Amino acid sequence: MFERVGHRQRPDVVISVDGVRTVAKEGDTVAAALLAAGLLATRRTPVSGASRGPYCMMGACFECLVTIDDAGNRQACLIPVRAGMRISTQHSRREAGR
């Protein structure tokens, strides 16, 4: 579905996504790297548990929130990957009584 442009000229960067070693390309945003790796959902909503993922790719919609190096609610579309980065998808739980 997604295809990188000009990726052959860019070196690989190794990141960790939910504990799995993943190869991205230097210059990718976290969202682009996740989409290229086939990961479409980056989080689940707290109320219904519905899957959410990158949508606008420019920081306006907040659908691509992930945890990066233990810092939660980071917009994956705005942050470039770097070697050794630890990324976790966010799995919110429905609150009791809702």
PDB file of N, CA and C in Angstrom:
ATOM      1  N   MET A   1       0.830  -1.187   0.000  1.00  0.00           N
ATOM      2  CA  MET A   1       0.000   0.000   0.000  1.00  0.00           C
ATOM      3  C   MET A   1       0.875   1.252   0.000  1.00  0.00           C
ATOM      4  N   PHE A   2       1.920   1.258   0.821  1.00  0.00           N
ATOM      5  CA  PHE A   2       2.786   2.420   0.913  1.00  0.00           C
ATOM      6  C   PHE A   2       4.109   2.093   0.252  1.00  0.00           C
ATOM      7  N   GLU A   3       4.676   3.067  -0.433  1.00  0.00           N
ATOM      8  CA  GLU A   3       5.944   2.861  -1.115  1.00  0.00           C
ATOM      9  C   GLU A   3       6.865   4.040  -0.836  1.00  0.00           C
ATOM     10  N   ARG A   4       8.091   3.737  -0.462  1.00  0.00           N
ATOM     11  CA  ARG A   4       9.068   4.791  -0.234  1.00  0.00           C
ATOM     12  C   ARG A   4       9.603   5.312  -1.563  1.00  0.00           C
ATOM     13  N   VAL A   5       9.937   6.586  -1.593  1.00  0.00           N
ATOM     14  CA  VAL A   5      10.544   7.196  -2.767  1.00  0.00           C
ATOM     15  C   VAL A   5      11.980   7.536  -2.417  1.00  0.00           C
ATOM     16  N   GLY A   6      12.910   7.160  -3.256  1.00  0.00           N
ATOM     17  CA  GLY A   6      14.314   7.490  -3.023  1.00  0.00           C
ATOM     18  C   GLY A   6      14.942   6.773  -1.846  1.00  0.00           C
ATOM     19  N   HIS A   7      14.400   5.624  -1.470  1.00  0.00           N
ATOM     20  CA  HIS A   7      14.898   4.934  -0.268  1.00  0.00           C
ATOM     21  C   HIS A   7      16.242   4.251  -0.472  1.00  0.00           C
ATOM     22  N   ARG A   8      16.627   3.975  -1.691  1.00  0.00           N
ATOM     23  CA  ARG A   8      17.886   3.263  -1.919  1.00  0.00           C
ATOM     24  C   ARG A   8      19.103   4.116  -1.555  1.00  0.00           C
ATOM     25  N   GLN A   9      18.951   5.419  -1.568  1.00  0.00           N
ATOM     26  CA  GLN A   9      20.070   6.297  -1.246  1.00  0.00           C
ATOM     27  C   GLN A   9      20.202   6.551   0.254  1.00  0.00           C
ATOM     28  N   ARG A  10      19.220   6.108   1.039  1.00  0.00           N
ATOM     29  CA  ARG A  10      19.241   6.393   2.472  1.00  0.00           C
ATOM     30  C   ARG A  10      19.642   5.151   3.264  1.00  0.00           C
ATOM     31  N   PRO A  11      20.520   5.304   4.259  1.00  0.00           N
ATOM     32  CA  PRO A  11      20.952   4.148   5.045  1.00  0.00           C
ATOM     33  C   PRO A  11      19.850   3.631   5.971  1.00  0.00           C
ATOM     34  N   ASP A  12      19.996   2.356   6.350  1.00  0.00           N
ATOM     35  CA  ASP A  12      19.073   1.734   7.300  1.00  0.00           C
ATOM     36  C   ASP A  12      19.318   2.232   8.711  1.00  0.00           C
ATOM     37  N   VAL A  13      18.244   2.272   9.498  1.00  0.00           N
ATOM     38  CA  VAL A  13      18.289   2.608  10.918  1.00  0.00           C
ATOM     39  C   VAL A  13      17.513   1.509  11.638  1.00  0.00           C
ATOM     40  N   VAL A  14      18.098   0.920  12.671  1.00  0.00           N
ATOM     41  CA  VAL A  14      17.418  -0.140  13.411  1.00  0.00           C
ATOM     42  C   VAL A  14      16.708   0.467  14.615  1.00  0.00           C
ATOM     43  N   ILE A  15      15.403   0.181  14.709  1.00  0.00           N
ATOM     44  CA  ILE A  15      14.573   0.634  15.829  1.00  0.00           C
ATOM     45  C   ILE A  15      13.876  -0.575  16.427  1.00  0.00           C
ATOM     46  N   SER A  16      13.251  -0.393  17.562  1.00  0.00           N
ATOM     47  CA  SER A  16      12.473  -1.448  18.201  1.00  0.00           C
ATOM     48  C   SER A  16      11.015  -1.008  18.247  1.00  0.00           C
ATOM     49  N   VAL A  17      10.117  -1.855  17.740  1.00  0.00           N
ATOM     50  CA  VAL A  17       8.684  -1.562  17.756  1.00  0.00           C
ATOM     51  C   VAL A  17       7.991  -2.679  18.529  1.00  0.00           C
ATOM     52  N   ASP A  18       7.431  -2.338  19.676  1.00  0.00           N
ATOM     53  CA  ASP A  18       6.804  -3.324  20.566  1.00  0.00           C
ATOM     54  C   ASP A  18       7.743  -4.490  20.849  1.00  0.00           C
ATOM     55  N   GLY A  19       9.025  -4.166  21.021  1.00  0.00           N
ATOM     56  CA  GLY A  19      10.029  -5.164  21.360  1.00  0.00           C
ATOM     57  C   GLY A  19      10.582  -5.945  20.182  1.00  0.00           C
ATOM     58  N   VAL A  20      10.142  -5.640  18.983  1.00  0.00           N
ATOM     59  CA  VAL A  20      10.601  -6.344  17.785  1.00  0.00           C
ATOM     60  C   VAL A  20      11.560  -5.453  17.002  1.00  0.00           C
ATOM     61  N   ARG A  21      12.705  -5.993  16.656  1.00  0.00           N
ATOM     62  CA  ARG A  21      13.697  -5.256  15.863  1.00  0.00           C
ATOM     63  C   ARG A  21      13.097  -4.951  14.497  1.00  0.00           C
ATOM     64  N   THR A  22      13.142  -3.685  14.119  1.00  0.00           N
ATOM     65  CA  THR A  22      12.552  -3.233  12.863  1.00  0.00           C
ATOM     66  C   THR A  22      13.542  -2.318  12.156  1.00  0.00           C
ATOM     67  N   VAL A  23      13.629  -2.462  10.847  1.00  0.00           N
ATOM     68  CA  VAL A  23      14.540  -1.628  10.072  1.00  0.00           C
ATOM     69  C   VAL A  23      13.741  -0.508   9.413  1.00  0.00           C
ATOM     70  N   ALA A  24      14.198   0.712   9.604  1.00  0.00           N
ATOM     71  CA  ALA A  24      13.601   1.889   8.981  1.00  0.00           C
ATOM     72  C   ALA A  24      14.682   2.532   8.105  1.00  0.00           C
ATOM     73  N   LYS A  25      14.316   3.585   7.441  1.00  0.00           N
ATOM     74  CA  LYS A  25      15.279   4.326   6.632  1.00  0.00           C
ATOM     75  C   LYS A  25      15.553   5.671   7.276  1.00  0.00           C
ATOM     76  N   GLU A  26      16.808   6.078   7.269  1.00  0.00           N
ATOM     77  CA  GLU A  26      17.172   7.393   7.790  1.00  0.00           C
ATOM     78  C   GLU A  26      16.329   8.443   7.077  1.00  0.00           C
ATOM     79  N   GLY A  27      15.765   9.361   7.848  1.00  0.00           N
ATOM     80  CA  GLY A  27      14.921  10.401   7.284  1.00  0.00           C
ATOM     81  C   GLY A  27      13.439  10.093   7.382  1.00  0.00           C
ATOM     82  N   ASP A  28      13.079   8.829   7.669  1.00  0.00           N
ATOM     83  CA  ASP A  28      11.674   8.477   7.890  1.00  0.00           C
ATOM     84  C   ASP A  28      11.176   9.112   9.171  1.00  0.00           C
ATOM     85  N   THR A  29       9.908   9.462   9.209  1.00  0.00           N
ATOM     86  CA  THR A  29       9.284   9.757  10.490  1.00  0.00           C
ATOM     87  C   THR A  29       8.928   8.411  11.105  1.00  0.00           C
ATOM     88  N   VAL A  30       8.630   8.407  12.390  1.00  0.00           N
ATOM     89  CA  VAL A  30       8.220   7.174  13.056  1.00  0.00           C
ATOM     90  C   VAL A  30       6.973   6.618  12.368  1.00  0.00           C
ATOM     91  N   ALA A  31       6.009   7.473  12.042  1.00  0.00           N
ATOM     92  CA  ALA A  31       4.778   7.017  11.390  1.00  0.00           C
ATOM     93  C   ALA A  31       5.083   6.369  10.040  1.00  0.00           C
ATOM     94  N   ALA A  32       5.934   6.984   9.233  1.00  0.00           N
ATOM     95  CA  ALA A  32       6.287   6.427   7.928  1.00  0.00           C
ATOM     96  C   ALA A  32       6.990   5.082   8.085  1.00  0.00           C
ATOM     97  N   ALA A  33       7.861   4.967   9.068  1.00  0.00           N
ATOM     98  CA  ALA A  33       8.560   3.706   9.312  1.00  0.00           C
ATOM     99  C   ALA A  33       7.585   2.612   9.728  1.00  0.00           C
ATOM    100  N   LEU A  34       6.617   2.946  10.586  1.00  0.00           N
ATOM    101  CA  LEU A  34       5.637   1.958  11.023  1.00  0.00           C
ATOM    102  C   LEU A  34       4.758   1.514   9.859  1.00  0.00           C
ATOM    103  N   LEU A  35       4.311   2.455   9.046  1.00  0.00           N
ATOM    104  CA  LEU A  35       3.488   2.101   7.886  1.00  0.00           C
ATOM    105  C   LEU A  35       4.276   1.234   6.903  1.00  0.00           C
ATOM    106  N   ALA A  36       5.541   1.579   6.656  1.00  0.00           N
ATOM    107  CA  ALA A  36       6.374   0.801   5.746  1.00  0.00           C
ATOM    108  C   ALA A  36       6.605  -0.611   6.273  1.00  0.00           C
ATOM    109  N   ALA A  37       6.593  -0.779   7.591  1.00  0.00           N
ATOM    110  CA  ALA A  37       6.772  -2.093   8.208  1.00  0.00           C
ATOM    111  C   ALA A  37       5.457  -2.879   8.272  1.00  0.00           C
ATOM    112  N   GLY A  38       4.370  -2.268   7.805  1.00  0.00           N
ATOM    113  CA  GLY A  38       3.086  -2.960   7.789  1.00  0.00           C
ATOM    114  C   GLY A  38       2.240  -2.775   9.029  1.00  0.00           C
ATOM    115  N   LEU A  39       2.664  -1.899   9.934  1.00  0.00           N
ATOM    116  CA  LEU A  39       1.901  -1.643  11.162  1.00  0.00           C
ATOM    117  C   LEU A  39       0.968  -0.461  10.924  1.00  0.00           C
ATOM    118  N   LEU A  40      -0.311  -0.733  10.766  1.00  0.00           N
ATOM    119  CA  LEU A  40      -1.279   0.315  10.442  1.00  0.00           C
ATOM    120  C   LEU A  40      -1.895   0.958  11.676  1.00  0.00           C
ATOM    121  N   ALA A  41      -2.030   0.220  12.767  1.00  0.00           N
ATOM    122  CA  ALA A  41      -2.625   0.760  13.999  1.00  0.00           C
ATOM    123  C   ALA A  41      -1.524   1.072  14.999  1.00  0.00           C
ATOM    124  N   THR A  42      -1.498   2.318  15.480  1.00  0.00           N
ATOM    125  CA  THR A  42      -0.484   2.727  16.450  1.00  0.00           C
ATOM    126  C   THR A  42      -1.036   2.801  17.864  1.00  0.00           C
ATOM    127  N   ARG A  43      -2.366   2.844  17.979  1.00  0.00           N
ATOM    128  CA  ARG A  43      -2.976   2.941  19.305  1.00  0.00           C
ATOM    129  C   ARG A  43      -4.412   2.464  19.249  1.00  0.00           C
ATOM    130  N   ARG A  44      -5.006   2.333  20.439  1.00  0.00           N
ATOM    131  CA  ARG A  44      -6.429   2.033  20.582  1.00  0.00           C
ATOM    132  C   ARG A  44      -7.053   3.126  21.427  1.00  0.00           C
ATOM    133  N   THR A  45      -8.301   3.478  21.112  1.00  0.00           N
ATOM    134  CA  THR A  45      -8.960   4.549  21.855  1.00  0.00           C
ATOM    135  C   THR A  45      -9.320   4.087  23.254  1.00  0.00           C
ATOM    136  N   PRO A  46      -9.324   5.006  24.226  1.00  0.00           N
ATOM    137  CA  PRO A  46      -9.608   4.626  25.606  1.00  0.00           C
ATOM    138  C   PRO A  46     -11.065   4.213  25.849  1.00  0.00           C
ATOM    139  N   VAL A  47     -12.000   4.729  25.097  1.00  0.00           N
ATOM    140  CA  VAL A  47     -13.416   4.434  25.364  1.00  0.00           C
ATOM    141  C   VAL A  47     -13.861   3.157  24.666  1.00  0.00           C
ATOM    142  N   SER A  48     -13.712   3.088  23.359  1.00  0.00           N
ATOM    143  CA  SER A  48     -14.227   1.929  22.627  1.00  0.00           C
ATOM    144  C   SER A  48     -13.167   0.878  22.322  1.00  0.00           C
ATOM    145  N   GLY A  49     -11.906   1.248  22.393  1.00  0.00           N
ATOM    146  CA  GLY A  49     -10.833   0.320  22.045  1.00  0.00           C
ATOM    147  C   GLY A  49     -10.613   0.211  20.545  1.00  0.00           C
ATOM    148  N   ALA A  50     -11.205   1.127  19.772  1.00  0.00           N
ATOM    149  CA  ALA A  50     -11.049   1.105  18.317  1.00  0.00           C
ATOM    150  C   ALA A  50      -9.603   1.414  17.914  1.00  0.00           C
ATOM    151  N   SER A  51      -9.155   0.751  16.870  1.00  0.00           N
ATOM    152  CA  SER A  51      -7.799   0.976  16.364  1.00  0.00           C
ATOM    153  C   SER A  51      -7.691   2.335  15.697  1.00  0.00           C
ATOM    154  N   ARG A  52      -6.552   2.971  15.894  1.00  0.00           N
ATOM    155  CA  ARG A  52      -6.245   4.244  15.248  1.00  0.00           C
ATOM    156  C   ARG A  52      -4.827   4.165  14.698  1.00  0.00           C
ATOM    157  N   GLY A  53      -4.551   4.961  13.666  1.00  0.00           N
ATOM    158  CA  GLY A  53      -3.226   4.977  13.068  1.00  0.00           C
ATOM    159  C   GLY A  53      -2.997   6.291  12.353  1.00  0.00           C
ATOM    160  N   PRO A  54      -1.834   6.440  11.723  1.00  0.00           N
ATOM    161  CA  PRO A  54      -1.513   7.685  11.031  1.00  0.00           C
ATOM    162  C   PRO A  54      -2.603   8.054  10.025  1.00  0.00           C
ATOM    163  N   TYR A  55      -2.999   9.308  10.040  1.00  0.00           N
ATOM    164  CA  TYR A  55      -4.060   9.777   9.159  1.00  0.00           C
ATOM    165  C   TYR A  55      -3.601  10.983   8.347  1.00  0.00           C
ATOM    166  N   CYS A  56      -3.281  12.073   9.031  1.00  0.00           N
ATOM    167  CA  CYS A  56      -2.946  13.300   8.296  1.00  0.00           C
ATOM    168  C   CYS A  56      -1.464  13.386   7.951  1.00  0.00           C
ATOM    169  N   MET A  57      -0.615  12.732   8.726  1.00  0.00           N
ATOM    170  CA  MET A  57       0.835  12.730   8.537  1.00  0.00           C
ATOM    171  C   MET A  57       1.466  14.115   8.647  1.00  0.00           C
ATOM    172  N   MET A  58       0.774  15.051   9.329  1.00  0.00           N
ATOM    173  CA  MET A  58       1.348  16.390   9.507  1.00  0.00           C
ATOM    174  C   MET A  58       1.089  16.978  10.884  1.00  0.00           C
ATOM    175  N   GLY A  59       0.633  16.158  11.830  1.00  0.00           N
ATOM    176  CA  GLY A  59       0.500  16.617  13.203  1.00  0.00           C
ATOM    177  C   GLY A  59      -0.789  17.300  13.578  1.00  0.00           C
ATOM    178  N   ALA A  60      -1.790  17.275  12.709  1.00  0.00           N
ATOM    179  CA  ALA A  60      -3.044  17.963  13.008  1.00  0.00           C
ATOM    180  C   ALA A  60      -4.070  17.075  13.708  1.00  0.00           C
ATOM    181  N   CYS A  61      -4.008  15.755  13.512  1.00  0.00           N
ATOM    182  CA  CYS A  61      -5.127  14.911  13.946  1.00  0.00           C
ATOM    183  C   CYS A  61      -4.881  14.106  15.230  1.00  0.00           C
ATOM    184  N   PHE A  62      -3.687  13.887  15.656  1.00  0.00           N
ATOM    185  CA  PHE A  62      -3.357  13.141  16.880  1.00  0.00           C
ATOM    186  C   PHE A  62      -3.785  11.679  16.838  1.00  0.00           C
ATOM    187  N   GLU A  63      -3.954  11.098  15.673  1.00  0.00           N
ATOM    188  CA  GLU A  63      -4.335   9.688  15.570  1.00  0.00           C
ATOM    189  C   GLU A  63      -3.145   8.741  15.664  1.00  0.00           C
ATOM    190  N   CYS A  64      -1.938   9.227  15.471  1.00  0.00           N
ATOM    191  CA  CYS A  64      -0.749   8.371  15.408  1.00  0.00           C
ATOM    192  C   CYS A  64       0.056   8.349  16.711  1.00  0.00           C
ATOM    193  N   LEU A  65      -0.594   8.570  17.837  1.00  0.00           N
ATOM    194  CA  LEU A  65       0.131   8.630  19.107  1.00  0.00           C
ATOM    195  C   LEU A  65       0.781   7.290  19.450  1.00  0.00           C
ATOM    196  N   VAL A  66       2.032   7.357  19.886  1.00  0.00           N
ATOM    197  CA  VAL A  66       2.799   6.192  20.313  1.00  0.00           C
ATOM    198  C   VAL A  66       3.626   6.580  21.540  1.00  0.00           C
ATOM    199  N   THR A  67       4.240   5.594  22.153  1.00  0.00           N
ATOM    200  CA  THR A  67       5.207   5.831  23.226  1.00  0.00           C
ATOM    201  C   THR A  67       6.595   5.678  22.626  1.00  0.00           C
ATOM    202  N   ILE A  68       7.441   6.687  22.808  1.00  0.00           N
ATOM    203  CA  ILE A  68       8.802   6.656  22.283  1.00  0.00           C
ATOM    204  C   ILE A  68       9.769   6.831  23.437  1.00  0.00           C
ATOM    205  N   ASP A  69      10.629   5.829  23.622  1.00  0.00           N
ATOM    206  CA  ASP A  69      11.619   5.847  24.705  1.00  0.00           C
ATOM    207  C   ASP A  69      10.969   6.217  26.042  1.00  0.00           C
ATOM    208  N   ASP A  70       9.869   5.561  26.363  1.00  0.00           N
ATOM    209  CA  ASP A  70       9.123   5.708  27.626  1.00  0.00           C
ATOM    210  C   ASP A  70       8.373   7.025  27.768  1.00  0.00           C
ATOM    211  N   ALA A  71       8.321   7.840  26.737  1.00  0.00           N
ATOM    212  CA  ALA A  71       7.535   9.077  26.760  1.00  0.00           C
ATOM    213  C   ALA A  71       6.265   8.839  25.940  1.00  0.00           C
ATOM    214  N   GLY A  72       5.111   8.872  26.602  1.00  0.00           N
ATOM    215  CA  GLY A  72       3.847   8.562  25.946  1.00  0.00           C
ATOM    216  C   GLY A  72       3.263   9.717  25.164  1.00  0.00           C
ATOM    217  N   ASN A  73       2.242   9.380  24.362  1.00  0.00           N
ATOM    218  CA  ASN A  73       1.472  10.356  23.592  1.00  0.00           C
ATOM    219  C   ASN A  73       2.319  11.233  22.683  1.00  0.00           C
ATOM    220  N   ARG A  74       3.271  10.624  22.019  1.00  0.00           N
ATOM    221  CA  ARG A  74       4.110  11.336  21.044  1.00  0.00           C
ATOM    222  C   ARG A  74       3.508  11.167  19.663  1.00  0.00           C
ATOM    223  N   GLN A  75       3.472  12.221  18.880  1.00  0.00           N
ATOM    224  CA  GLN A  75       2.942  12.155  17.527  1.00  0.00           C
ATOM    225  C   GLN A  75       3.991  11.546  16.591  1.00  0.00           C
ATOM    226  N   ALA A  76       3.717  10.337  16.149  1.00  0.00           N
ATOM    227  CA  ALA A  76       4.669   9.582  15.335  1.00  0.00           C
ATOM    228  C   ALA A  76       4.972  10.254  14.010  1.00  0.00           C
ATOM    229  N   CYS A  77       4.038  11.035  13.487  1.00  0.00           N
ATOM    230  CA  CYS A  77       4.243  11.669  12.180  1.00  0.00           C
ATOM    231  C   CYS A  77       5.197  12.856  12.245  1.00  0.00           C
ATOM    232  N   LEU A  78       5.511  13.334  13.419  1.00  0.00           N
ATOM    233  CA  LEU A  78       6.366  14.516  13.559  1.00  0.00           C
ATOM    234  C   LEU A  78       7.788  14.202  14.018  1.00  0.00           C
ATOM    235  N   ILE A  79       8.047  12.955  14.392  1.00  0.00           N
ATOM    236  CA  ILE A  79       9.330  12.610  15.002  1.00  0.00           C
ATOM    237  C   ILE A  79      10.148  11.723  14.066  1.00  0.00           C
ATOM    238  N   PRO A  80      11.357  12.165  13.694  1.00  0.00           N
ATOM    239  CA  PRO A  80      12.203  11.330  12.839  1.00  0.00           C
ATOM    240  C   PRO A  80      12.775  10.148  13.623  1.00  0.00           C
ATOM    241  N   VAL A  81      12.932   9.016  12.936  1.00  0.00           N
ATOM    242  CA  VAL A  81      13.534   7.853  13.593  1.00  0.00           C
ATOM    243  C   VAL A  81      15.009   8.109  13.831  1.00  0.00           C
ATOM    244  N   ARG A  82      15.547   7.432  14.836  1.00  0.00           N
ATOM    245  CA  ARG A  82      16.986   7.436  15.075  1.00  0.00           C
ATOM    246  C   ARG A  82      17.366   6.054  15.569  1.00  0.00           C
ATOM    247  N   ALA A  83      18.584   5.679  15.354  1.00  0.00           N
ATOM    248  CA  ALA A  83      19.057   4.344  15.715  1.00  0.00           C
ATOM    249  C   ALA A  83      18.814   4.074  17.203  1.00  0.00           C
ATOM    250  N   GLY A  84      18.284   2.907  17.501  1.00  0.00           N
ATOM    251  CA  GLY A  84      18.062   2.497  18.883  1.00  0.00           C
ATOM    252  C   GLY A  84      16.766   2.975  19.500  1.00  0.00           C
ATOM    253  N   MET A  85      15.978   3.719  18.774  1.00  0.00           N
ATOM    254  CA  MET A  85      14.713   4.247  19.291  1.00  0.00           C
ATOM    255  C   MET A  85      13.785   3.082  19.680  1.00  0.00           C
ATOM    256  N   ARG A  86      13.134   3.205  20.855  1.00  0.00           N
ATOM    257  CA  ARG A  86      12.182   2.199  21.329  1.00  0.00           C
ATOM    258  C   ARG A  86      10.770   2.767  21.204  1.00  0.00           C
ATOM    259  N   ILE A  87       9.980   2.157  20.352  1.00  0.00           N
ATOM    260  CA  ILE A  87       8.622   2.617  20.073  1.00  0.00           C
ATOM    261  C   ILE A  87       7.635   1.559  20.546  1.00  0.00           C
ATOM    262  N   SER A  88       6.592   2.009  21.229  1.00  0.00           N
ATOM    263  CA  SER A  88       5.532   1.092  21.668  1.00  0.00           C
ATOM    264  C   SER A  88       4.186   1.639  21.221  1.00  0.00           C
ATOM    265  N   THR A  89       3.348   0.754  20.701  1.00  0.00           N
ATOM    266  CA  THR A  89       1.991   1.164  20.393  1.00  0.00           C
ATOM    267  C   THR A  89       1.242   1.310  21.709  1.00  0.00           C
ATOM    268  N   GLN A  90       0.198   2.119  21.716  1.00  0.00           N
ATOM    269  CA  GLN A  90      -0.547   2.403  22.937  1.00  0.00           C
ATOM    270  C   GLN A  90      -1.870   1.649  22.920  1.00  0.00           C
ATOM    271  N   HIS A  91      -2.103   0.877  23.965  1.00  0.00           N
ATOM    272  CA  HIS A  91      -3.313   0.070  24.068  1.00  0.00           C
ATOM    273  C   HIS A  91      -4.133   0.562  25.248  1.00  0.00           C
ATOM    274  N   SER A  92      -4.954   1.551  25.001  1.00  0.00           N
ATOM    275  CA  SER A  92      -5.807   2.110  26.064  1.00  0.00           C
ATOM    276  C   SER A  92      -6.882   1.109  26.426  1.00  0.00           C
ATOM    277  N   ARG A  93      -7.343   1.197  27.642  1.00  0.00           N
ATOM    278  CA  ARG A  93      -8.406   0.324  28.115  1.00  0.00           C
ATOM    279  C   ARG A  93      -9.649   1.155  28.407  1.00  0.00           C
ATOM    280  N   ARG A  94     -10.742   0.553  28.198  1.00  0.00           N
ATOM    281  CA  ARG A  94     -12.009   1.197  28.490  1.00  0.00           C
ATOM    282  C   ARG A  94     -12.131   1.398  30.002  1.00  0.00           C
ATOM    283  N   GLU A  95     -12.571   2.585  30.396  1.00  0.00           N
ATOM    284  CA  GLU A  95     -12.739   2.889  31.816  1.00  0.00           C
ATOM    285  C   GLU A  95     -13.978   2.191  32.364  1.00  0.00           C
ATOM    286  N   ALA A  96     -13.913   1.771  33.616  1.00  0.00           N
ATOM    287  CA  ALA A  96     -15.050   1.120  34.259  1.00  0.00           C
ATOM    288  C   ALA A  96     -16.238   2.076  34.287  1.00  0.00           C
ATOM    289  N   GLY A  97     -17.425   1.557  34.007  1.00  0.00           N
ATOM    290  CA  GLY A  97     -18.630   2.363  34.065  1.00  0.00           C
ATOM    291  C   GLY A  97     -18.947   3.117  32.793  1.00  0.00           C
ATOM    292  N   ARG A  98     -18.155   2.938  31.753  1.00  0.00           N
ATOM    293  CA  ARG A  98     -18.435   3.634  30.479  1.00  0.00           C
ATOM    294  C   ARG A  98     -18.909   2.660  29.443  1.00  0.00           C
TER     295      ARG A  98
END
